[in-house]
Amino acid sequence: MSEQAEKLAAVRAACESCQRCALGATRTNLVFGTGSPDARLMFVGEAPGEREDATGIPFVGAAGQLLDRYLFAVGIPRDDVYIANILKCRPPRNRDPLPEEEDACIEHLRAQVRIIRPKLLVCLGRISAQRLIKPDFRITREHGVWFSRGAFEMCAVYHPSALLRDPSKREDMLEDMRAIAEKYRALN
């Protein structure tokens, strides 16, 4: 096990017993994160959904399957990236995370980012972008725009679940993913 994998396992163990917010008591499974602990590209969503809560793995439901198709289309193996959420527990009825839930959970995500040290961080959707890039982020206007934050660059794309509801945004997502793939390949 690599040093990063060991450190992630320690953070995961701390998350397993976390009760900083009420969601810890209602979850079926902790949804910590998945992928390469050495990833240079990290995707961050807002919170697990029903399927993720059942399996303990982020982005495995319909939205995750759509994300997988985009990754495949632009030639990025899912195993090469790391995928996490701001919240590690599912909000009831998949509602948006409450600010106090995000505040309670954000340190877990920050620990993941510190350990993995990605060069590129992609927010999946408005909520993640507003928390991680800037509070007034507008996904329809700023998707695909890159921001420098410390040692890495960040952008946001539409959340795959939004694309399931509004397929008209799928071409924009493909363009954004192509740009992400180009930046990703330039790192190697």
C-alpha atoms as a PDB file:
ATOM      1  CA  MET A   1       0.000   0.000   0.000  1.00  0.00           C
ATOM      2  CA  SER A   2       1.401   3.410  -0.974  1.00  0.00           C
ATOM      3  CA  GLU A   3       1.906   6.183   1.543  1.00  0.00           C
ATOM      4  CA  GLN A   4      -1.016   8.123   0.036  1.00  0.00           C
ATOM      5  CA  ALA A   5      -3.271   5.062   0.231  1.00  0.00           C
ATOM      6  CA  GLU A   6      -2.356   4.588   3.906  1.00  0.00           C
ATOM      7  CA  LYS A   7      -3.104   8.233   4.674  1.00  0.00           C
ATOM      8  CA  LEU A   8      -6.438   8.049   2.835  1.00  0.00           C
ATOM      9  CA  ALA A   9      -7.316   4.909   4.822  1.00  0.00           C
ATOM     10  CA  ALA A  10      -6.681   6.828   8.057  1.00  0.00           C
ATOM     11  CA  VAL A  11      -8.933   9.702   6.967  1.00  0.00           C
ATOM     12  CA  ARG A  12     -11.579   7.189   5.895  1.00  0.00           C
ATOM     13  CA  ALA A  13     -11.434   5.550   9.337  1.00  0.00           C
ATOM     14  CA  ALA A  14     -12.029   8.943  10.962  1.00  0.00           C
ATOM     15  CA  CYS A  15     -14.994   9.514   8.625  1.00  0.00           C
ATOM     16  CA  GLU A  16     -16.491   6.136   9.552  1.00  0.00           C
ATOM     17  CA  SER A  17     -17.107   7.339  13.105  1.00  0.00           C
ATOM     18  CA  CYS A  18     -17.947  10.949  12.199  1.00  0.00           C
ATOM     19  CA  GLN A  19     -21.090  12.354  13.789  1.00  0.00           C
ATOM     20  CA  ARG A  20     -20.410  16.065  13.155  1.00  0.00           C
ATOM     21  CA  CYS A  21     -23.844  16.388  11.542  1.00  0.00           C
ATOM     22  CA  ALA A  22     -27.096  14.422  11.639  1.00  0.00           C
ATOM     23  CA  LEU A  23     -26.359  12.647   8.337  1.00  0.00           C
ATOM     24  CA  GLY A  24     -23.873  10.314  10.027  1.00  0.00           C
ATOM     25  CA  ALA A  25     -26.752   8.650  11.864  1.00  0.00           C
ATOM     26  CA  THR A  26     -28.926   8.197   8.758  1.00  0.00           C
ATOM     27  CA  ARG A  27     -26.448   6.851   6.214  1.00  0.00           C
ATOM     28  CA  THR A  28     -26.393   3.263   5.037  1.00  0.00           C
ATOM     29  CA  ASN A  29     -22.728   3.497   4.020  1.00  0.00           C
ATOM     30  CA  LEU A  30     -20.017   6.093   4.153  1.00  0.00           C
ATOM     31  CA  VAL A  31     -19.238   7.281   0.615  1.00  0.00           C
ATOM     32  CA  PHE A  32     -15.630   8.369   1.035  1.00  0.00           C
ATOM     33  CA  GLY A  33     -14.063   8.426  -2.422  1.00  0.00           C
ATOM     34  CA  THR A  34     -12.680   6.131  -5.073  1.00  0.00           C
ATOM     35  CA  GLY A  35      -9.852   6.010  -7.546  1.00  0.00           C
ATOM     36  CA  SER A  36      -6.132   6.442  -7.669  1.00  0.00           C
ATOM     37  CA  PRO A  37      -4.502   7.884  -4.533  1.00  0.00           C
ATOM     38  CA  ASP A  38      -1.855   9.287  -6.921  1.00  0.00           C
ATOM     39  CA  ALA A  39      -4.415  10.938  -9.228  1.00  0.00           C
ATOM     40  CA  ARG A  40      -3.422  14.119 -10.966  1.00  0.00           C
ATOM     41  CA  LEU A  41      -7.088  14.746 -11.801  1.00  0.00           C
ATOM     42  CA  MET A  42      -9.807  14.802  -9.142  1.00  0.00           C
ATOM     43  CA  PHE A  43     -13.563  15.214  -9.552  1.00  0.00           C
ATOM     44  CA  VAL A  44     -15.679  16.520  -6.655  1.00  0.00           C
ATOM     45  CA  GLY A  45     -19.461  16.375  -6.503  1.00  0.00           C
ATOM     46  CA  GLU A  46     -21.802  17.608  -3.805  1.00  0.00           C
ATOM     47  CA  ALA A  47     -23.171  14.528  -2.014  1.00  0.00           C
ATOM     48  CA  PRO A  48     -23.914  10.847  -2.508  1.00  0.00           C
ATOM     49  CA  GLY A  49     -27.226   9.710  -3.936  1.00  0.00           C
ATOM     50  CA  GLU A  50     -29.306   6.644  -3.118  1.00  0.00           C
ATOM     51  CA  ARG A  51     -27.231   4.185  -5.146  1.00  0.00           C
ATOM     52  CA  GLU A  52     -24.001   5.583  -3.739  1.00  0.00           C
ATOM     53  CA  ASP A  53     -25.340   5.301  -0.186  1.00  0.00           C
ATOM     54  CA  ALA A  54     -26.236   1.660  -0.883  1.00  0.00           C
ATOM     55  CA  THR A  55     -22.805   0.769  -2.298  1.00  0.00           C
ATOM     56  CA  GLY A  56     -20.456   3.162  -0.507  1.00  0.00           C
ATOM     57  CA  ILE A  57     -18.942   4.203  -3.865  1.00  0.00           C
ATOM     58  CA  PRO A  58     -19.358   7.697  -5.386  1.00  0.00           C
ATOM     59  CA  PHE A  59     -20.928   8.167  -8.803  1.00  0.00           C
ATOM     60  CA  VAL A  60     -22.203   4.649  -9.507  1.00  0.00           C
ATOM     61  CA  GLY A  61     -25.844   5.477 -10.232  1.00  0.00           C
ATOM     62  CA  ALA A  62     -27.242   6.860 -13.480  1.00  0.00           C
ATOM     63  CA  ALA A  63     -25.268  10.110 -13.119  1.00  0.00           C
ATOM     64  CA  GLY A  64     -22.071   8.165 -12.458  1.00  0.00           C
ATOM     65  CA  GLN A  65     -22.652   5.975 -15.492  1.00  0.00           C
ATOM     66  CA  LEU A  66     -23.026   9.111 -17.605  1.00  0.00           C
ATOM     67  CA  LEU A  67     -19.792  10.508 -16.125  1.00  0.00           C
ATOM     68  CA  ASP A  68     -18.090   7.214 -17.025  1.00  0.00           C
ATOM     69  CA  ARG A  69     -19.261   7.594 -20.634  1.00  0.00           C
ATOM     70  CA  TYR A  70     -17.776  11.094 -20.813  1.00  0.00           C
ATOM     71  CA  LEU A  71     -14.480   9.898 -19.320  1.00  0.00           C
ATOM     72  CA  PHE A  72     -14.378   7.082 -21.875  1.00  0.00           C
ATOM     73  CA  ALA A  73     -15.254   9.447 -24.745  1.00  0.00           C
ATOM     74  CA  VAL A  74     -12.264  11.683 -23.961  1.00  0.00           C
ATOM     75  CA  GLY A  75      -9.868   8.834 -23.183  1.00  0.00           C
ATOM     76  CA  ILE A  76      -9.478   9.233 -19.423  1.00  0.00           C
ATOM     77  CA  PRO A  77      -9.607   5.909 -17.528  1.00  0.00           C
ATOM     78  CA  ARG A  78     -11.774   6.201 -14.410  1.00  0.00           C
ATOM     79  CA  ASP A  79      -9.125   4.256 -12.478  1.00  0.00           C
ATOM     80  CA  ASP A  80      -6.605   7.053 -13.158  1.00  0.00           C
ATOM     81  CA  VAL A  81      -8.679   9.770 -11.470  1.00  0.00           C
ATOM     82  CA  TYR A  82     -10.042  10.230  -7.954  1.00  0.00           C
ATOM     83  CA  ILE A  83     -13.739  10.916  -7.396  1.00  0.00           C
ATOM     84  CA  ALA A  84     -15.222  12.243  -4.155  1.00  0.00           C
ATOM     85  CA  ASN A  85     -18.011  14.442  -2.840  1.00  0.00           C
ATOM     86  CA  ILE A  86     -18.089  17.323  -0.383  1.00  0.00           C
ATOM     87  CA  LEU A  87     -20.475  15.318   1.826  1.00  0.00           C
ATOM     88  CA  LYS A  88     -19.643  11.727   2.658  1.00  0.00           C
ATOM     89  CA  CYS A  89     -23.217  10.839   3.668  1.00  0.00           C
ATOM     90  CA  ARG A  90     -26.441  11.051   1.658  1.00  0.00           C
ATOM     91  CA  PRO A  91     -28.885  13.854   2.465  1.00  0.00           C
ATOM     92  CA  PRO A  92     -32.505  12.657   2.792  1.00  0.00           C
ATOM     93  CA  ARG A  93     -34.348  12.400  -0.544  1.00  0.00           C
ATOM     94  CA  ASN A  94     -31.189  13.628  -2.330  1.00  0.00           C
ATOM     95  CA  ARG A  95     -31.867  17.213  -1.273  1.00  0.00           C
ATOM     96  CA  ASP A  96     -29.108  19.808  -1.634  1.00  0.00           C
ATOM     97  CA  PRO A  97     -26.562  19.763   1.187  1.00  0.00           C
ATOM     98  CA  LEU A  98     -27.210  22.249   3.974  1.00  0.00           C
ATOM     99  CA  PRO A  99     -24.427  24.770   4.668  1.00  0.00           C
ATOM    100  CA  GLU A 100     -23.875  23.311   8.144  1.00  0.00           C
ATOM    101  CA  GLU A 101     -23.498  19.820   6.640  1.00  0.00           C
ATOM    102  CA  GLU A 102     -20.913  21.123   4.183  1.00  0.00           C
ATOM    103  CA  ASP A 103     -19.101  22.903   7.030  1.00  0.00           C
ATOM    104  CA  ALA A 104     -19.057  19.689   9.077  1.00  0.00           C
ATOM    105  CA  CYS A 105     -17.683  17.608   6.205  1.00  0.00           C
ATOM    106  CA  ILE A 106     -15.368  19.929   4.283  1.00  0.00           C
ATOM    107  CA  GLU A 107     -12.298  19.057   6.365  1.00  0.00           C
ATOM    108  CA  HIS A 108     -12.566  15.434   5.230  1.00  0.00           C
ATOM    109  CA  LEU A 109     -12.465  16.580   1.595  1.00  0.00           C
ATOM    110  CA  ARG A 110      -9.589  18.960   2.305  1.00  0.00           C
ATOM    111  CA  ALA A 111      -7.653  16.058   3.834  1.00  0.00           C
ATOM    112  CA  GLN A 112      -8.285  13.983   0.696  1.00  0.00           C
ATOM    113  CA  VAL A 113      -7.043  16.821  -1.514  1.00  0.00           C
ATOM    114  CA  ARG A 114      -3.927  17.349   0.654  1.00  0.00           C
ATOM    115  CA  ILE A 115      -3.064  13.647   0.442  1.00  0.00           C
ATOM    116  CA  ILE A 116      -3.791  13.132  -3.258  1.00  0.00           C
ATOM    117  CA  ARG A 117      -2.356  16.497  -4.362  1.00  0.00           C
ATOM    118  CA  PRO A 118      -4.141  16.621  -7.727  1.00  0.00           C
ATOM    119  CA  LYS A 119      -2.952  19.108 -10.314  1.00  0.00           C
ATOM    120  CA  LEU A 120      -6.474  19.501 -11.729  1.00  0.00           C
ATOM    121  CA  LEU A 121      -9.670  19.572  -9.675  1.00  0.00           C
ATOM    122  CA  VAL A 122     -13.035  19.509 -11.453  1.00  0.00           C
ATOM    123  CA  CYS A 123     -16.199  20.423  -9.594  1.00  0.00           C
ATOM    124  CA  LEU A 124     -19.228  18.457 -10.710  1.00  0.00           C
ATOM    125  CA  GLY A 125     -22.076  20.940 -10.586  1.00  0.00           C
ATOM    126  CA  ARG A 126     -23.007  24.293  -9.129  1.00  0.00           C
ATOM    127  CA  ILE A 127     -23.012  23.360  -5.440  1.00  0.00           C
ATOM    128  CA  SER A 128     -19.486  21.973  -5.501  1.00  0.00           C
ATOM    129  CA  ALA A 129     -18.260  24.957  -7.548  1.00  0.00           C
ATOM    130  CA  GLN A 130     -19.851  27.462  -5.178  1.00  0.00           C
ATOM    131  CA  ARG A 131     -18.162  25.818  -2.220  1.00  0.00           C
ATOM    132  CA  LEU A 132     -14.750  25.200  -3.772  1.00  0.00           C
ATOM    133  CA  ILE A 133     -14.247  27.875  -6.445  1.00  0.00           C
ATOM    134  CA  LYS A 134     -16.307  30.905  -5.407  1.00  0.00           C
ATOM    135  CA  PRO A 135     -19.656  31.492  -3.677  1.00  0.00           C
ATOM    136  CA  ASP A 136     -21.255  33.301  -6.626  1.00  0.00           C
ATOM    137  CA  PHE A 137     -20.218  30.727  -9.242  1.00  0.00           C
ATOM    138  CA  ARG A 138     -22.734  30.485 -12.097  1.00  0.00           C
ATOM    139  CA  ILE A 139     -22.529  27.072 -13.759  1.00  0.00           C
ATOM    140  CA  THR A 140     -24.351  28.090 -16.956  1.00  0.00           C
ATOM    141  CA  ARG A 141     -21.971  31.010 -17.485  1.00  0.00           C
ATOM    142  CA  GLU A 142     -18.698  29.688 -16.037  1.00  0.00           C
ATOM    143  CA  HIS A 143     -18.630  25.953 -16.788  1.00  0.00           C
ATOM    144  CA  GLY A 144     -15.283  25.000 -18.271  1.00  0.00           C
ATOM    145  CA  VAL A 145     -13.529  28.201 -17.079  1.00  0.00           C
ATOM    146  CA  TRP A 146     -10.238  27.490 -15.261  1.00  0.00           C
ATOM    147  CA  PHE A 147      -9.245  29.094 -11.952  1.00  0.00           C
ATOM    148  CA  SER A 148      -5.844  28.814 -10.246  1.00  0.00           C
ATOM    149  CA  ARG A 149      -5.992  27.827  -6.579  1.00  0.00           C
ATOM    150  CA  GLY A 150      -2.657  27.237  -4.905  1.00  0.00           C
ATOM    151  CA  ALA A 151      -0.891  24.255  -6.437  1.00  0.00           C
ATOM    152  CA  PHE A 152      -3.744  23.237  -8.713  1.00  0.00           C
ATOM    153  CA  GLU A 153      -6.165  24.484 -11.313  1.00  0.00           C
ATOM    154  CA  MET A 154      -9.918  24.125 -10.927  1.00  0.00           C
ATOM    155  CA  CYS A 155     -12.936  24.274 -13.165  1.00  0.00           C
ATOM    156  CA  ALA A 156     -16.532  23.197 -12.950  1.00  0.00           C
ATOM    157  CA  VAL A 157     -18.713  21.268 -15.350  1.00  0.00           C
ATOM    158  CA  TYR A 158     -22.384  20.426 -15.292  1.00  0.00           C
ATOM    159  CA  HIS A 159     -23.301  17.741 -12.788  1.00  0.00           C
ATOM    160  CA  PRO A 160     -24.138  14.563 -14.709  1.00  0.00           C
ATOM    161  CA  SER A 161     -27.561  14.415 -13.007  1.00  0.00           C
ATOM    162  CA  ALA A 162     -28.354  17.842 -14.522  1.00  0.00           C
ATOM    163  CA  LEU A 163     -27.535  16.400 -17.939  1.00  0.00           C
ATOM    164  CA  LEU A 164     -29.979  13.559 -17.323  1.00  0.00           C
ATOM    165  CA  ARG A 165     -32.701  16.147 -16.691  1.00  0.00           C
ATOM    166  CA  ASP A 166     -31.620  18.509 -19.503  1.00  0.00           C
ATOM    167  CA  PRO A 167     -29.888  16.704 -22.389  1.00  0.00           C
ATOM    168  CA  SER A 168     -29.449  20.010 -24.263  1.00  0.00           C
ATOM    169  CA  LYS A 169     -26.359  20.685 -22.097  1.00  0.00           C
ATOM    170  CA  ARG A 170     -24.605  17.445 -23.084  1.00  0.00           C
ATOM    171  CA  GLU A 171     -22.645  18.988 -25.954  1.00  0.00           C
ATOM    172  CA  ASP A 172     -21.300  21.698 -23.622  1.00  0.00           C
ATOM    173  CA  MET A 173     -20.238  18.952 -21.227  1.00  0.00           C
ATOM    174  CA  LEU A 174     -18.439  17.076 -23.994  1.00  0.00           C
ATOM    175  CA  GLU A 175     -16.543  20.245 -24.986  1.00  0.00           C
ATOM    176  CA  ASP A 176     -15.594  20.866 -21.341  1.00  0.00           C
ATOM    177  CA  MET A 177     -14.455  17.260 -20.907  1.00  0.00           C
ATOM    178  CA  ARG A 178     -12.332  17.483 -24.056  1.00  0.00           C
ATOM    179  CA  ALA A 179     -10.620  20.573 -22.624  1.00  0.00           C
ATOM    180  CA  ILE A 180     -10.078  18.771 -19.313  1.00  0.00           C
ATOM    181  CA  ALA A 181      -8.582  15.787 -21.151  1.00  0.00           C
ATOM    182  CA  GLU A 182      -6.258  18.095 -23.080  1.00  0.00           C
ATOM    183  CA  LYS A 183      -5.025  19.745 -19.846  1.00  0.00           C
ATOM    184  CA  TYR A 184      -4.713  16.314 -18.217  1.00  0.00           C
ATOM    185  CA  ARG A 185      -2.626  14.919 -21.059  1.00  0.00           C
ATOM    186  CA  ALA A 186      -0.384  18.000 -20.970  1.00  0.00           C
ATOM    187  CA  LEU A 187       0.540  17.069 -17.368  1.00  0.00           C
ATOM    188  CA  ASN A 188       2.021  13.742 -18.473  1.00  0.00           C
END
